[in-house]
Amino acid sequence: MANAVVQQGDPPHEDPDALMKEAIGAMGELERLVSAINWTNLQVSLPDGRSLTDAIARRDTLVAQHALVVAAIAGARKEPDRYGVRITAR
């Protein structure tokens, strides 16, 4: 990002086109890795017969459910905001 905008007349510290090509290449490599990992996870069976992909999905669901319960507990322990009219003696 720092090489995308420069003062007029100043050269960028690095070639933005080269950086963009490098980033796109890295994203392509990441896509290949994720695809290979997912394929492998589908092929592996756990002792209970589930695929590793199914176990990962279950883990992610449990993590989300845990976060929900923790958030609900935190909300229940919050001190309520109290507003009222103060009456003063004359």
PDB file of N, CA and C in Angstrom:
ATOM      1  N   MET A   1       0.831  -1.198   0.000  1.00  0.00           N
ATOM      2  CA  MET A   1       0.000   0.000   0.000  1.00  0.00           C
ATOM      3  C   MET A   1       0.872   1.257   0.000  1.00  0.00           C
ATOM      4  N   ALA A   2       1.997   1.195   0.706  1.00  0.00           N
ATOM      5  CA  ALA A   2       2.863   2.369   0.790  1.00  0.00           C
ATOM      6  C   ALA A   2       3.458   2.712  -0.567  1.00  0.00           C
ATOM      7  N   ASN A   3       3.542   1.752  -1.467  1.00  0.00           N
ATOM      8  CA  ASN A   3       4.105   2.002  -2.788  1.00  0.00           C
ATOM      9  C   ASN A   3       3.038   2.364  -3.812  1.00  0.00           C
ATOM     10  N   ALA A   4       1.785   2.341  -3.420  1.00  0.00           N
ATOM     11  CA  ALA A   4       0.711   2.653  -4.363  1.00  0.00           C
ATOM     12  C   ALA A   4       0.568   4.155  -4.562  1.00  0.00           C
ATOM     13  N   VAL A   5       0.871   4.958  -3.538  1.00  0.00           N
ATOM     14  CA  VAL A   5       0.722   6.407  -3.627  1.00  0.00           C
ATOM     15  C   VAL A   5       2.048   7.047  -3.219  1.00  0.00           C
ATOM     16  N   VAL A   6       2.586   7.865  -4.111  1.00  0.00           N
ATOM     17  CA  VAL A   6       3.829   8.579  -3.819  1.00  0.00           C
ATOM     18  C   VAL A   6       3.670  10.031  -4.241  1.00  0.00           C
ATOM     19  N   GLN A   7       4.506  10.856  -3.721  1.00  0.00           N
ATOM     20  CA  GLN A   7       4.509  12.272  -4.087  1.00  0.00           C
ATOM     21  C   GLN A   7       4.867  12.389  -5.564  1.00  0.00           C
ATOM     22  N   GLN A   8       4.217  13.297  -6.255  1.00  0.00           N
ATOM     23  CA  GLN A   8       4.478  13.489  -7.684  1.00  0.00           C
ATOM     24  C   GLN A   8       5.962  13.777  -7.885  1.00  0.00           C
ATOM     25  N   GLY A   9       6.559  13.028  -8.801  1.00  0.00           N
ATOM     26  CA  GLY A   9       7.969  13.215  -9.101  1.00  0.00           C
ATOM     27  C   GLY A   9       8.880  12.272  -8.330  1.00  0.00           C
ATOM     28  N   ASP A  10       8.405  11.710  -7.215  1.00  0.00           N
ATOM     29  CA  ASP A  10       9.209  10.763  -6.437  1.00  0.00           C
ATOM     30  C   ASP A  10       8.958   9.347  -6.951  1.00  0.00           C
ATOM     31  N   PRO A  11      10.014   8.551  -7.087  1.00  0.00           N
ATOM     32  CA  PRO A  11       9.799   7.160  -7.495  1.00  0.00           C
ATOM     33  C   PRO A  11       9.352   6.329  -6.293  1.00  0.00           C
ATOM     34  N   PRO A  12       8.571   5.277  -6.511  1.00  0.00           N
ATOM     35  CA  PRO A  12       8.197   4.398  -5.397  1.00  0.00           C
ATOM     36  C   PRO A  12       9.426   3.632  -4.905  1.00  0.00           C
ATOM     37  N   HIS A  13       9.417   3.215  -3.664  1.00  0.00           N
ATOM     38  CA  HIS A  13      10.541   2.469  -3.099  1.00  0.00           C
ATOM     39  C   HIS A  13      10.692   1.112  -3.776  1.00  0.00           C
ATOM     40  N   GLU A  14       9.576   0.514  -4.169  1.00  0.00           N
ATOM     41  CA  GLU A  14       9.588  -0.756  -4.881  1.00  0.00           C
ATOM     42  C   GLU A  14       8.635  -0.658  -6.062  1.00  0.00           C
ATOM     43  N   ASP A  15       8.850  -1.483  -7.073  1.00  0.00           N
ATOM     44  CA  ASP A  15       8.022  -1.470  -8.278  1.00  0.00           C
ATOM     45  C   ASP A  15       6.634  -2.022  -7.947  1.00  0.00           C
ATOM     46  N   PRO A  16       5.591  -1.177  -8.037  1.00  0.00           N
ATOM     47  CA  PRO A  16       4.232  -1.643  -7.703  1.00  0.00           C
ATOM     48  C   PRO A  16       3.765  -2.807  -8.567  1.00  0.00           C
ATOM     49  N   ASP A  17       4.146  -2.807  -9.851  1.00  0.00           N
ATOM     50  CA  ASP A  17       3.740  -3.913 -10.731  1.00  0.00           C
ATOM     51  C   ASP A  17       4.364  -5.237 -10.280  1.00  0.00           C
ATOM     52  N   ALA A  18       5.637  -5.190  -9.896  1.00  0.00           N
ATOM     53  CA  ALA A  18       6.310  -6.398  -9.422  1.00  0.00           C
ATOM     54  C   ALA A  18       5.683  -6.882  -8.114  1.00  0.00           C
ATOM     55  N   LEU A  19       5.363  -5.944  -7.226  1.00  0.00           N
ATOM     56  CA  LEU A  19       4.721  -6.314  -5.959  1.00  0.00           C
ATOM     57  C   LEU A  19       3.359  -6.940  -6.198  1.00  0.00           C
ATOM     58  N   MET A  20       2.591  -6.384  -7.151  1.00  0.00           N
ATOM     59  CA  MET A  20       1.264  -6.927  -7.464  1.00  0.00           C
ATOM     60  C   MET A  20       1.387  -8.343  -8.024  1.00  0.00           C
ATOM     61  N   LYS A  21       2.344  -8.561  -8.930  1.00  0.00           N
ATOM     62  CA  LYS A  21       2.550  -9.901  -9.495  1.00  0.00           C
ATOM     63  C   LYS A  21       2.968 -10.890  -8.407  1.00  0.00           C
ATOM     64  N   GLU A  22       3.828 -10.451  -7.493  1.00  0.00           N
ATOM     65  CA  GLU A  22       4.259 -11.315  -6.396  1.00  0.00           C
ATOM     66  C   GLU A  22       3.081 -11.681  -5.496  1.00  0.00           C
ATOM     67  N   ALA A  23       2.235 -10.696  -5.187  1.00  0.00           N
ATOM     68  CA  ALA A  23       1.070 -10.940  -4.335  1.00  0.00           C
ATOM     69  C   ALA A  23       0.091 -11.899  -5.011  1.00  0.00           C
ATOM     70  N   ILE A  24      -0.159 -11.707  -6.287  1.00  0.00           N
ATOM     71  CA  ILE A  24      -1.079 -12.587  -7.018  1.00  0.00           C
ATOM     72  C   ILE A  24      -0.506 -14.000  -7.088  1.00  0.00           C
ATOM     73  N   GLY A  25       0.803 -14.116  -7.272  1.00  0.00           N
ATOM     74  CA  GLY A  25       1.443 -15.430  -7.276  1.00  0.00           C
ATOM     75  C   GLY A  25       1.309 -16.116  -5.924  1.00  0.00           C
ATOM     76  N   ALA A  26       1.486 -15.360  -4.841  1.00  0.00           N
ATOM     77  CA  ALA A  26       1.349 -15.924  -3.494  1.00  0.00           C
ATOM     78  C   ALA A  26      -0.084 -16.390  -3.254  1.00  0.00           C
ATOM     79  N   MET A  27      -1.054 -15.639  -3.748  1.00  0.00           N
ATOM     80  CA  MET A  27      -2.450 -16.037  -3.587  1.00  0.00           C
ATOM     81  C   MET A  27      -2.748 -17.313  -4.366  1.00  0.00           C
ATOM     82  N   GLY A  28      -2.154 -17.451  -5.535  1.00  0.00           N
ATOM     83  CA  GLY A  28      -2.317 -18.680  -6.317  1.00  0.00           C
ATOM     84  C   GLY A  28      -1.729 -19.874  -5.588  1.00  0.00           C
ATOM     85  N   GLU A  29      -0.552 -19.692  -4.991  1.00  0.00           N
ATOM     86  CA  GLU A  29       0.071 -20.767  -4.218  1.00  0.00           C
ATOM     87  C   GLU A  29      -0.787 -21.126  -3.005  1.00  0.00           C
ATOM     88  N   LEU A  30      -1.339 -20.110  -2.334  1.00  0.00           N
ATOM     89  CA  LEU A  30      -2.231 -20.364  -1.195  1.00  0.00           C
ATOM     90  C   LEU A  30      -3.444 -21.174  -1.647  1.00  0.00           C
ATOM     91  N   GLU A  31      -4.008 -20.824  -2.794  1.00  0.00           N
ATOM     92  CA  GLU A  31      -5.162 -21.568  -3.313  1.00  0.00           C
ATOM     93  C   GLU A  31      -4.801 -23.034  -3.551  1.00  0.00           C
ATOM     94  N   ARG A  32      -3.641 -23.286  -4.129  1.00  0.00           N
ATOM     95  CA  ARG A  32      -3.205 -24.663  -4.378  1.00  0.00           C
ATOM     96  C   ARG A  32      -3.020 -25.425  -3.052  1.00  0.00           C
ATOM     97  N   LEU A  33      -2.424 -24.765  -2.071  1.00  0.00           N
ATOM     98  CA  LEU A  33      -2.215 -25.410  -0.772  1.00  0.00           C
ATOM     99  C   LEU A  33      -3.530 -25.735  -0.080  1.00  0.00           C
ATOM    100  N   VAL A  34      -4.449 -24.774  -0.067  1.00  0.00           N
ATOM    101  CA  VAL A  34      -5.748 -24.999   0.577  1.00  0.00           C
ATOM    102  C   VAL A  34      -6.494 -26.133  -0.110  1.00  0.00           C
ATOM    103  N   SER A  35      -6.428 -26.168  -1.437  1.00  0.00           N
ATOM    104  CA  SER A  35      -7.082 -27.236  -2.186  1.00  0.00           C
ATOM    105  C   SER A  35      -6.480 -28.593  -1.833  1.00  0.00           C
ATOM    106  N   ALA A  36      -5.164 -28.670  -1.761  1.00  0.00           N
ATOM    107  CA  ALA A  36      -4.494 -29.928  -1.416  1.00  0.00           C
ATOM    108  C   ALA A  36      -4.834 -30.356   0.010  1.00  0.00           C
ATOM    109  N   ILE A  37      -4.855 -29.411   0.925  1.00  0.00           N
ATOM    110  CA  ILE A  37      -5.199 -29.721   2.321  1.00  0.00           C
ATOM    111  C   ILE A  37      -6.638 -30.223   2.413  1.00  0.00           C
ATOM    112  N   ASN A  38      -7.556 -29.532   1.748  1.00  0.00           N
ATOM    113  CA  ASN A  38      -8.963 -29.954   1.787  1.00  0.00           C
ATOM    114  C   ASN A  38      -9.150 -31.336   1.172  1.00  0.00           C
ATOM    115  N   TRP A  39      -8.466 -31.604   0.061  1.00  0.00           N
ATOM    116  CA  TRP A  39      -8.564 -32.917  -0.574  1.00  0.00           C
ATOM    117  C   TRP A  39      -8.072 -33.989   0.391  1.00  0.00           C
ATOM    118  N   THR A  40      -6.936 -33.735   1.034  1.00  0.00           N
ATOM    119  CA  THR A  40      -6.390 -34.695   1.994  1.00  0.00           C
ATOM    120  C   THR A  40      -7.347 -34.904   3.159  1.00  0.00           C
ATOM    121  N   ASN A  41      -7.921 -33.815   3.668  1.00  0.00           N
ATOM    122  CA  ASN A  41      -8.855 -33.920   4.799  1.00  0.00           C
ATOM    123  C   ASN A  41     -10.093 -34.742   4.447  1.00  0.00           C
ATOM    124  N   LEU A  42     -10.499 -34.700   3.182  1.00  0.00           N
ATOM    125  CA  LEU A  42     -11.642 -35.517   2.764  1.00  0.00           C
ATOM    126  C   LEU A  42     -11.277 -36.992   2.680  1.00  0.00           C
ATOM    127  N   GLN A  43     -10.025 -37.287   2.396  1.00  0.00           N
ATOM    128  CA  GLN A  43      -9.590 -38.669   2.222  1.00  0.00           C
ATOM    129  C   GLN A  43      -9.332 -39.384   3.554  1.00  0.00           C
ATOM    130  N   VAL A  44      -9.005 -38.638   4.585  1.00  0.00           N
ATOM    131  CA  VAL A  44      -8.647 -39.230   5.873  1.00  0.00           C
ATOM    132  C   VAL A  44      -9.911 -39.525   6.672  1.00  0.00           C
ATOM    133  N   SER A  45      -9.979 -40.748   7.200  1.00  0.00           N
ATOM    134  CA  SER A  45     -11.107 -41.125   8.053  1.00  0.00           C
ATOM    135  C   SER A  45     -10.625 -41.281   9.487  1.00  0.00           C
ATOM    136  N   LEU A  46     -11.421 -40.765  10.402  1.00  0.00           N
ATOM    137  CA  LEU A  46     -11.138 -40.916  11.824  1.00  0.00           C
ATOM    138  C   LEU A  46     -11.622 -42.286  12.298  1.00  0.00           C
ATOM    139  N   PRO A  47     -11.194 -42.726  13.473  1.00  0.00           N
ATOM    140  CA  PRO A  47     -11.630 -44.040  13.971  1.00  0.00           C
ATOM    141  C   PRO A  47     -13.153 -44.209  14.035  1.00  0.00           C
ATOM    142  N   ASP A  48     -13.887 -43.093  14.229  1.00  0.00           N
ATOM    143  CA  ASP A  48     -15.350 -43.204  14.295  1.00  0.00           C
ATOM    144  C   ASP A  48     -16.007 -43.147  12.916  1.00  0.00           C
ATOM    145  N   GLY A  49     -15.193 -43.081  11.839  1.00  0.00           N
ATOM    146  CA  GLY A  49     -15.739 -43.103  10.483  1.00  0.00           C
ATOM    147  C   GLY A  49     -15.924 -41.734   9.843  1.00  0.00           C
ATOM    148  N   ARG A  50     -15.862 -40.687  10.646  1.00  0.00           N
ATOM    149  CA  ARG A  50     -16.017 -39.351  10.080  1.00  0.00           C
ATOM    150  C   ARG A  50     -14.765 -38.957   9.304  1.00  0.00           C
ATOM    151  N   SER A  51     -14.962 -38.103   8.293  1.00  0.00           N
ATOM    152  CA  SER A  51     -13.795 -37.554   7.598  1.00  0.00           C
ATOM    153  C   SER A  51     -13.201 -36.446   8.461  1.00  0.00           C
ATOM    154  N   LEU A  52     -11.953 -36.140   8.195  1.00  0.00           N
ATOM    155  CA  LEU A  52     -11.313 -35.055   8.927  1.00  0.00           C
ATOM    156  C   LEU A  52     -12.034 -33.740   8.649  1.00  0.00           C
ATOM    157  N   THR A  53     -12.556 -33.571   7.431  1.00  0.00           N
ATOM    158  CA  THR A  53     -13.325 -32.367   7.089  1.00  0.00           C
ATOM    159  C   THR A  53     -14.553 -32.242   7.980  1.00  0.00           C
ATOM    160  N   ASP A  54     -15.262 -33.362   8.211  1.00  0.00           N
ATOM    161  CA  ASP A  54     -16.431 -33.331   9.101  1.00  0.00           C
ATOM    162  C   ASP A  54     -16.023 -32.966  10.526  1.00  0.00           C
ATOM    163  N   ALA A  55     -14.892 -33.508  10.991  1.00  0.00           N
ATOM    164  CA  ALA A  55     -14.425 -33.206  12.345  1.00  0.00           C
ATOM    165  C   ALA A  55     -14.045 -31.732  12.470  1.00  0.00           C
ATOM    166  N   ILE A  56     -13.427 -31.183  11.441  1.00  0.00           N
ATOM    167  CA  ILE A  56     -13.064 -29.755  11.460  1.00  0.00           C
ATOM    168  C   ILE A  56     -14.321 -28.893  11.486  1.00  0.00           C
ATOM    169  N   ALA A  57     -15.323 -29.277  10.702  1.00  0.00           N
ATOM    170  CA  ALA A  57     -16.590 -28.528  10.701  1.00  0.00           C
ATOM    171  C   ALA A  57     -17.237 -28.582  12.084  1.00  0.00           C
ATOM    172  N   ARG A  58     -17.189 -29.741  12.730  1.00  0.00           N
ATOM    173  CA  ARG A  58     -17.760 -29.874  14.075  1.00  0.00           C
ATOM    174  C   ARG A  58     -17.004 -29.003  15.064  1.00  0.00           C
ATOM    175  N   ARG A  59     -15.663 -29.025  14.968  1.00  0.00           N
ATOM    176  CA  ARG A  59     -14.839 -28.188  15.845  1.00  0.00           C
ATOM    177  C   ARG A  59     -15.200 -26.712  15.672  1.00  0.00           C
ATOM    178  N   ASP A  60     -15.329 -26.272  14.418  1.00  0.00           N
ATOM    179  CA  ASP A  60     -15.659 -24.870  14.167  1.00  0.00           C
ATOM    180  C   ASP A  60     -17.024 -24.507  14.744  1.00  0.00           C
ATOM    181  N   THR A  61     -17.989 -25.427  14.645  1.00  0.00           N
ATOM    182  CA  THR A  61     -19.311 -25.187  15.221  1.00  0.00           C
ATOM    183  C   THR A  61     -19.229 -25.078  16.734  1.00  0.00           C
ATOM    184  N   LEU A  62     -18.475 -25.970  17.370  1.00  0.00           N
ATOM    185  CA  LEU A  62     -18.327 -25.921  18.825  1.00  0.00           C
ATOM    186  C   LEU A  62     -17.631 -24.636  19.275  1.00  0.00           C
ATOM    187  N   VAL A  63     -16.640 -24.183  18.520  1.00  0.00           N
ATOM    188  CA  VAL A  63     -15.958 -22.926  18.846  1.00  0.00           C
ATOM    189  C   VAL A  63     -16.947 -21.759  18.775  1.00  0.00           C
ATOM    190  N   ALA A  64     -17.787 -21.741  17.740  1.00  0.00           N
ATOM    191  CA  ALA A  64     -18.778 -20.669  17.596  1.00  0.00           C
ATOM    192  C   ALA A  64     -19.814 -20.726  18.721  1.00  0.00           C
ATOM    193  N   GLN A  65     -20.251 -21.941  19.083  1.00  0.00           N
ATOM    194  CA  GLN A  65     -21.216 -22.087  20.173  1.00  0.00           C
ATOM    195  C   GLN A  65     -20.605 -21.631  21.496  1.00  0.00           C
ATOM    196  N   HIS A  66     -19.355 -21.954  21.720  1.00  0.00           N
ATOM    197  CA  HIS A  66     -18.671 -21.529  22.939  1.00  0.00           C
ATOM    198  C   HIS A  66     -18.591 -20.010  23.001  1.00  0.00           C
ATOM    199  N   ALA A  67     -18.230 -19.380  21.887  1.00  0.00           N
ATOM    200  CA  ALA A  67     -18.159 -17.919  21.847  1.00  0.00           C
ATOM    201  C   ALA A  67     -19.522 -17.300  22.139  1.00  0.00           C
ATOM    202  N   LEU A  68     -20.582 -17.911  21.629  1.00  0.00           N
ATOM    203  CA  LEU A  68     -21.930 -17.419  21.882  1.00  0.00           C
ATOM    204  C   LEU A  68     -22.277 -17.499  23.361  1.00  0.00           C
ATOM    205  N   VAL A  69     -21.971 -18.635  23.997  1.00  0.00           N
ATOM    206  CA  VAL A  69     -22.272 -18.796  25.420  1.00  0.00           C
ATOM    207  C   VAL A  69     -21.446 -17.823  26.256  1.00  0.00           C
ATOM    208  N   VAL A  70     -20.169 -17.666  25.934  1.00  0.00           N
ATOM    209  CA  VAL A  70     -19.315 -16.727  26.667  1.00  0.00           C
ATOM    210  C   VAL A  70     -19.853 -15.301  26.533  1.00  0.00           C
ATOM    211  N   ALA A  71     -20.290 -14.926  25.337  1.00  0.00           N
ATOM    212  CA  ALA A  71     -20.852 -13.588  25.130  1.00  0.00           C
ATOM    213  C   ALA A  71     -22.149 -13.408  25.915  1.00  0.00           C
ATOM    214  N   ALA A  72     -22.972 -14.449  25.953  1.00  0.00           N
ATOM    215  CA  ALA A  72     -24.227 -14.371  26.707  1.00  0.00           C
ATOM    216  C   ALA A  72     -23.951 -14.226  28.201  1.00  0.00           C
ATOM    217  N   ILE A  73     -22.968 -14.963  28.702  1.00  0.00           N
ATOM    218  CA  ILE A  73     -22.609 -14.853  30.122  1.00  0.00           C
ATOM    219  C   ILE A  73     -22.084 -13.457  30.429  1.00  0.00           C
ATOM    220  N   ALA A  74     -21.228 -12.953  29.548  1.00  0.00           N
ATOM    221  CA  ALA A  74     -20.672 -11.605  29.757  1.00  0.00           C
ATOM    222  C   ALA A  74     -21.783 -10.561  29.753  1.00  0.00           C
ATOM    223  N   GLY A  75     -22.779 -10.730  28.888  1.00  0.00           N
ATOM    224  CA  GLY A  75     -23.899  -9.800  28.839  1.00  0.00           C
ATOM    225  C   GLY A  75     -24.781  -9.885  30.063  1.00  0.00           C
ATOM    226  N   ALA A  76     -24.895 -11.079  30.624  1.00  0.00           N
ATOM    227  CA  ALA A  76     -25.740 -11.262  31.807  1.00  0.00           C
ATOM    228  C   ALA A  76     -25.091 -10.683  33.055  1.00  0.00           C
ATOM    229  N   ARG A  77     -23.775 -10.596  33.077  1.00  0.00           N
ATOM    230  CA  ARG A  77     -23.067 -10.088  34.253  1.00  0.00           C
ATOM    231  C   ARG A  77     -22.884  -8.578  34.213  1.00  0.00           C
ATOM    232  N   LYS A  78     -23.277  -7.954  33.128  1.00  0.00           N
ATOM    233  CA  LYS A  78     -23.091  -6.516  32.996  1.00  0.00           C
ATOM    234  C   LYS A  78     -23.999  -5.776  33.962  1.00  0.00           C
ATOM    235  N   GLU A  79     -23.430  -4.777  34.607  1.00  0.00           N
ATOM    236  CA  GLU A  79     -24.237  -3.938  35.490  1.00  0.00           C
ATOM    237  C   GLU A  79     -25.232  -3.146  34.641  1.00  0.00           C
ATOM    238  N   PRO A  80     -26.470  -3.135  35.034  1.00  0.00           N
ATOM    239  CA  PRO A  80     -27.456  -2.396  34.232  1.00  0.00           C
ATOM    240  C   PRO A  80     -27.216  -0.885  34.338  1.00  0.00           C
ATOM    241  N   ASP A  81     -27.511  -0.224  33.245  1.00  0.00           N
ATOM    242  CA  ASP A  81     -27.465   1.238  33.267  1.00  0.00           C
ATOM    243  C   ASP A  81     -28.695   1.718  34.018  1.00  0.00           C
ATOM    244  N   ARG A  82     -28.486   2.579  34.980  1.00  0.00           N
ATOM    245  CA  ARG A  82     -29.609   3.062  35.779  1.00  0.00           C
ATOM    246  C   ARG A  82     -29.779   4.560  35.547  1.00  0.00           C
ATOM    247  N   TYR A  83     -30.957   4.888  35.206  1.00  0.00           N
ATOM    248  CA  TYR A  83     -31.295   6.290  35.034  1.00  0.00           C
ATOM    249  C   TYR A  83     -32.462   6.602  35.938  1.00  0.00           C
ATOM    250  N   GLY A  84     -32.436   7.752  36.494  1.00  0.00           N
ATOM    251  CA  GLY A  84     -33.537   8.134  37.358  1.00  0.00           C
ATOM    252  C   GLY A  84     -33.546   9.630  37.563  1.00  0.00           C
ATOM    253  N   VAL A  85     -34.609  10.059  38.145  1.00  0.00           N
ATOM    254  CA  VAL A  85     -34.735  11.481  38.431  1.00  0.00           C
ATOM    255  C   VAL A  85     -34.271  11.715  39.863  1.00  0.00           C
ATOM    256  N   ARG A  86     -33.398  12.635  40.038  1.00  0.00           N
ATOM    257  CA  ARG A  86     -32.907  12.952  41.380  1.00  0.00           C
ATOM    258  C   ARG A  86     -33.846  14.012  41.959  1.00  0.00           C
ATOM    259  N   ILE A  87     -34.339  13.742  43.127  1.00  0.00           N
ATOM    260  CA  ILE A  87     -35.224  14.687  43.805  1.00  0.00           C
ATOM    261  C   ILE A  87     -34.420  15.326  44.933  1.00  0.00           C
ATOM    262  N   THR A  88     -34.400  16.629  44.922  1.00  0.00           N
ATOM    263  CA  THR A  88     -33.662  17.327  45.979  1.00  0.00           C
ATOM    264  C   THR A  88     -34.647  18.071  46.864  1.00  0.00           C
ATOM    265  N   ALA A  89     -34.315  18.155  48.137  1.00  0.00           N
ATOM    266  CA  ALA A  89     -35.155  18.883  49.102  1.00  0.00           C
ATOM    267  C   ALA A  89     -34.945  20.366  48.906  1.00  0.00           C
ATOM    268  N   ARG A  90     -36.004  21.141  49.126  1.00  0.00           N
ATOM    269  CA  ARG A  90     -35.908  22.592  49.011  1.00  0.00           C
ATOM    270  C   ARG A  90     -35.684  23.218  50.318  1.00  0.00           C
TER     271      ARG A  90
END
